[in-house]
N, C-alpha and C. Protein backbone atom coordinates (compact mmCIF):
# COMPACT_ATOMS: atom_id res chain seq x y z
N MET A 1 -93.29 43.03 -59.81
CA MET A 1 -93.63 44.35 -59.31
C MET A 1 -92.55 45.35 -59.70
N ASP A 2 -92.99 46.53 -59.97
CA ASP A 2 -92.07 47.61 -60.28
C ASP A 2 -91.87 48.41 -59.00
N ILE A 3 -90.77 48.20 -58.31
CA ILE A 3 -90.50 48.83 -57.02
C ILE A 3 -90.39 50.34 -57.12
N GLU A 4 -89.90 50.84 -58.21
CA GLU A 4 -89.78 52.29 -58.37
C GLU A 4 -91.16 52.95 -58.42
N THR A 5 -92.11 52.33 -59.08
CA THR A 5 -93.48 52.85 -59.12
C THR A 5 -94.09 52.81 -57.73
N LEU A 6 -93.90 51.72 -57.03
CA LEU A 6 -94.43 51.61 -55.67
C LEU A 6 -93.84 52.67 -54.73
N MET A 7 -92.57 52.93 -54.86
CA MET A 7 -91.89 53.89 -53.99
C MET A 7 -92.43 55.31 -54.18
N LYS A 8 -92.99 55.62 -55.35
CA LYS A 8 -93.56 56.94 -55.58
C LYS A 8 -94.76 57.20 -54.68
N TYR A 9 -95.43 56.12 -54.24
CA TYR A 9 -96.66 56.26 -53.47
C TYR A 9 -96.47 56.02 -51.97
N THR A 10 -95.25 55.87 -51.54
CA THR A 10 -95.01 55.67 -50.11
C THR A 10 -95.08 57.00 -49.38
N ALA A 11 -95.45 56.95 -48.14
CA ALA A 11 -95.51 58.17 -47.32
C ALA A 11 -94.10 58.63 -46.99
N LYS A 12 -93.88 59.90 -47.11
CA LYS A 12 -92.56 60.45 -46.80
C LYS A 12 -92.41 60.74 -45.30
N ASN A 13 -93.51 61.16 -44.68
CA ASN A 13 -93.49 61.49 -43.26
C ASN A 13 -94.26 60.42 -42.49
N PHE A 14 -93.57 59.78 -41.58
CA PHE A 14 -94.21 58.76 -40.76
C PHE A 14 -94.59 59.35 -39.42
N HIS A 15 -95.72 58.93 -38.92
CA HIS A 15 -96.19 59.39 -37.60
C HIS A 15 -96.51 58.16 -36.77
N PHE A 16 -95.84 58.03 -35.63
CA PHE A 16 -96.07 56.90 -34.77
C PHE A 16 -96.62 57.37 -33.44
N GLU A 17 -97.55 56.60 -32.89
CA GLU A 17 -98.05 56.84 -31.55
C GLU A 17 -97.82 55.59 -30.74
N SER A 18 -97.44 55.77 -29.49
CA SER A 18 -97.24 54.60 -28.64
C SER A 18 -98.59 53.96 -28.33
N LEU A 19 -98.55 52.69 -28.05
CA LEU A 19 -99.77 51.98 -27.69
C LEU A 19 -100.29 52.52 -26.36
N PRO A 20 -101.62 52.54 -26.18
CA PRO A 20 -102.18 53.02 -24.92
C PRO A 20 -101.72 52.14 -23.76
N LYS A 21 -101.51 52.78 -22.62
CA LYS A 21 -101.07 52.06 -21.42
C LYS A 21 -102.20 51.21 -20.85
N TYR A 22 -103.43 51.69 -20.97
CA TYR A 22 -104.58 51.00 -20.40
C TYR A 22 -105.50 50.48 -21.51
N PRO A 23 -106.14 49.34 -21.27
CA PRO A 23 -107.06 48.81 -22.29
C PRO A 23 -108.32 49.66 -22.37
N ALA A 24 -108.98 49.59 -23.51
CA ALA A 24 -110.24 50.31 -23.70
C ALA A 24 -111.35 49.58 -22.94
N ILE A 25 -112.37 50.33 -22.56
CA ILE A 25 -113.55 49.73 -21.97
C ILE A 25 -114.76 50.15 -22.78
N ALA A 26 -115.80 49.33 -22.71
CA ALA A 26 -117.04 49.64 -23.43
C ALA A 26 -118.20 49.54 -22.45
N ARG A 27 -119.14 50.43 -22.61
CA ARG A 27 -120.35 50.43 -21.80
C ARG A 27 -121.54 50.57 -22.73
N ASP A 28 -122.61 49.87 -22.40
CA ASP A 28 -123.84 49.97 -23.17
C ASP A 28 -124.80 50.92 -22.47
N LEU A 29 -125.51 51.70 -23.26
CA LEU A 29 -126.46 52.67 -22.76
C LEU A 29 -127.73 52.56 -23.60
N ALA A 30 -128.85 52.30 -22.95
CA ALA A 30 -130.14 52.25 -23.65
C ALA A 30 -131.01 53.37 -23.12
N ILE A 31 -131.62 54.12 -24.02
CA ILE A 31 -132.50 55.22 -23.63
C ILE A 31 -133.79 55.14 -24.43
N VAL A 32 -134.87 55.60 -23.82
CA VAL A 32 -136.17 55.63 -24.48
C VAL A 32 -136.44 57.07 -24.92
N VAL A 33 -136.75 57.22 -26.20
CA VAL A 33 -136.97 58.55 -26.79
C VAL A 33 -138.22 58.51 -27.66
N ASP A 34 -138.68 59.68 -28.10
CA ASP A 34 -139.79 59.74 -29.05
C ASP A 34 -139.39 59.04 -30.35
N GLU A 35 -140.36 58.44 -31.02
CA GLU A 35 -140.08 57.77 -32.29
C GLU A 35 -139.51 58.72 -33.34
N THR A 36 -139.79 60.00 -33.21
CA THR A 36 -139.30 60.97 -34.20
C THR A 36 -137.85 61.39 -33.96
N ALA A 37 -137.30 61.04 -32.80
CA ALA A 37 -135.91 61.43 -32.50
C ALA A 37 -134.95 60.68 -33.41
N ALA A 38 -133.99 61.39 -33.94
CA ALA A 38 -132.98 60.79 -34.82
C ALA A 38 -131.82 60.25 -34.00
N ALA A 39 -131.43 59.02 -34.26
CA ALA A 39 -130.32 58.40 -33.54
C ALA A 39 -129.03 59.20 -33.75
N ALA A 40 -128.83 59.75 -34.92
CA ALA A 40 -127.62 60.53 -35.21
C ALA A 40 -127.53 61.76 -34.31
N ASP A 41 -128.67 62.39 -34.02
CA ASP A 41 -128.67 63.55 -33.13
C ASP A 41 -128.27 63.14 -31.72
N ILE A 42 -128.76 61.99 -31.28
CA ILE A 42 -128.42 61.52 -29.94
C ILE A 42 -126.95 61.11 -29.87
N GLU A 43 -126.46 60.48 -30.92
CA GLU A 43 -125.03 60.14 -30.99
C GLU A 43 -124.17 61.40 -30.88
N ALA A 44 -124.58 62.46 -31.54
CA ALA A 44 -123.83 63.72 -31.50
C ALA A 44 -123.79 64.28 -30.08
N VAL A 45 -124.90 64.21 -29.36
CA VAL A 45 -124.94 64.69 -27.97
C VAL A 45 -124.03 63.84 -27.09
N ILE A 46 -124.06 62.52 -27.28
CA ILE A 46 -123.19 61.64 -26.50
C ILE A 46 -121.73 61.97 -26.78
N ALA A 47 -121.37 62.12 -28.04
CA ALA A 47 -119.98 62.43 -28.41
C ALA A 47 -119.53 63.76 -27.83
N LYS A 48 -120.42 64.75 -27.86
CA LYS A 48 -120.07 66.09 -27.35
C LYS A 48 -119.83 66.07 -25.84
N ASN A 49 -120.53 65.20 -25.13
CA ASN A 49 -120.45 65.17 -23.67
C ASN A 49 -119.71 63.96 -23.13
N GLY A 50 -119.02 63.22 -23.99
CA GLY A 50 -118.37 61.97 -23.59
C GLY A 50 -117.17 62.12 -22.68
N GLY A 51 -116.55 63.27 -22.67
CA GLY A 51 -115.37 63.48 -21.83
C GLY A 51 -114.07 63.20 -22.56
N LYS A 52 -112.97 63.41 -21.86
CA LYS A 52 -111.65 63.34 -22.51
C LYS A 52 -111.23 61.92 -22.88
N HIS A 53 -111.80 60.91 -22.26
CA HIS A 53 -111.43 59.52 -22.56
C HIS A 53 -112.39 58.85 -23.55
N PHE A 54 -113.37 59.61 -24.01
CA PHE A 54 -114.35 59.08 -24.95
C PHE A 54 -113.70 58.80 -26.30
N LYS A 55 -113.95 57.61 -26.86
CA LYS A 55 -113.37 57.24 -28.15
C LYS A 55 -114.40 57.07 -29.26
N GLY A 56 -115.62 56.66 -28.91
CA GLY A 56 -116.60 56.47 -29.97
C GLY A 56 -117.92 55.92 -29.46
N VAL A 57 -118.94 56.02 -30.31
CA VAL A 57 -120.27 55.53 -29.98
C VAL A 57 -120.83 54.82 -31.20
N THR A 58 -121.53 53.70 -30.95
CA THR A 58 -122.15 52.92 -32.01
C THR A 58 -123.56 52.54 -31.61
N LEU A 59 -124.51 52.83 -32.47
CA LEU A 59 -125.89 52.39 -32.25
C LEU A 59 -125.95 50.91 -32.62
N PHE A 60 -126.45 50.06 -31.68
CA PHE A 60 -126.52 48.65 -32.01
C PHE A 60 -127.92 48.05 -31.91
N ASP A 61 -128.91 48.81 -31.43
CA ASP A 61 -130.25 48.25 -31.37
C ASP A 61 -131.29 49.36 -31.31
N VAL A 62 -132.38 49.16 -32.04
CA VAL A 62 -133.55 50.02 -31.97
C VAL A 62 -134.72 49.10 -31.68
N TYR A 63 -135.43 49.37 -30.58
CA TYR A 63 -136.53 48.49 -30.19
C TYR A 63 -137.82 49.28 -30.00
N THR A 64 -138.86 48.80 -30.62
CA THR A 64 -140.21 49.28 -30.36
C THR A 64 -141.05 48.04 -30.15
N GLY A 65 -141.84 48.04 -29.14
CA GLY A 65 -142.63 46.84 -28.91
C GLY A 65 -143.29 46.83 -27.55
N GLU A 66 -143.47 45.65 -27.06
CA GLU A 66 -144.27 45.39 -25.87
C GLU A 66 -143.88 46.21 -24.64
N HIS A 67 -142.62 46.39 -24.37
CA HIS A 67 -142.18 47.04 -23.14
C HIS A 67 -141.84 48.52 -23.31
N VAL A 68 -142.15 49.07 -24.46
CA VAL A 68 -141.89 50.48 -24.73
C VAL A 68 -143.22 51.15 -25.07
N ALA A 69 -143.46 52.30 -24.46
CA ALA A 69 -144.72 53.01 -24.67
C ALA A 69 -144.94 53.35 -26.14
N GLU A 70 -146.19 53.43 -26.53
CA GLU A 70 -146.52 53.78 -27.91
C GLU A 70 -146.00 55.19 -28.22
N GLY A 71 -145.45 55.34 -29.41
CA GLY A 71 -144.89 56.63 -29.81
C GLY A 71 -143.45 56.81 -29.34
N LYS A 72 -142.89 55.77 -28.69
CA LYS A 72 -141.51 55.82 -28.18
C LYS A 72 -140.71 54.69 -28.81
N LYS A 73 -139.38 54.80 -28.69
CA LYS A 73 -138.49 53.73 -29.11
C LYS A 73 -137.30 53.69 -28.16
N SER A 74 -136.72 52.53 -28.03
CA SER A 74 -135.52 52.37 -27.21
C SER A 74 -134.32 52.29 -28.13
N LEU A 75 -133.34 53.12 -27.88
CA LEU A 75 -132.10 53.11 -28.65
C LEU A 75 -130.99 52.61 -27.73
N ALA A 76 -130.24 51.63 -28.19
CA ALA A 76 -129.13 51.10 -27.40
C ALA A 76 -127.81 51.44 -28.11
N PHE A 77 -126.91 52.04 -27.34
CA PHE A 77 -125.63 52.48 -27.85
C PHE A 77 -124.50 51.77 -27.11
N ASN A 78 -123.41 51.54 -27.82
CA ASN A 78 -122.19 51.05 -27.21
C ASN A 78 -121.21 52.22 -27.20
N LEU A 79 -120.70 52.55 -26.02
CA LEU A 79 -119.76 53.66 -25.86
C LEU A 79 -118.38 53.11 -25.53
N GLN A 80 -117.34 53.63 -26.18
CA GLN A 80 -115.98 53.20 -25.94
C GLN A 80 -115.18 54.32 -25.30
N PHE A 81 -114.41 53.94 -24.29
CA PHE A 81 -113.57 54.89 -23.57
C PHE A 81 -112.15 54.31 -23.47
N GLN A 82 -111.14 55.19 -23.51
CA GLN A 82 -109.76 54.73 -23.33
C GLN A 82 -108.87 55.89 -22.94
N SER A 83 -108.05 55.64 -21.94
CA SER A 83 -107.06 56.62 -21.50
C SER A 83 -105.71 56.26 -22.11
N LYS A 84 -104.99 57.25 -22.57
CA LYS A 84 -103.65 56.98 -23.09
C LYS A 84 -102.65 56.82 -21.97
N GLY A 85 -103.05 57.27 -20.77
CA GLY A 85 -102.26 57.07 -19.55
C GLY A 85 -100.96 57.74 -19.63
């Protein structure tokens, strides 16, 4: 390895954050919406209203079938929250 070449690509300014005091928690949320509703739009609404400890949202299931009315779908999201304490 050419260490001089590698050193050209190292970051000059380092930024460190302390580890969070509290562990993250996750909650699942399933909602029934019209089949035409876009999951990305719903994710955006969740993110906008998640609060100060909100860290992220992931769609993990889309269900249409026996227990969901025709023209509807169930979207299941995993929401992550964490306080830096």
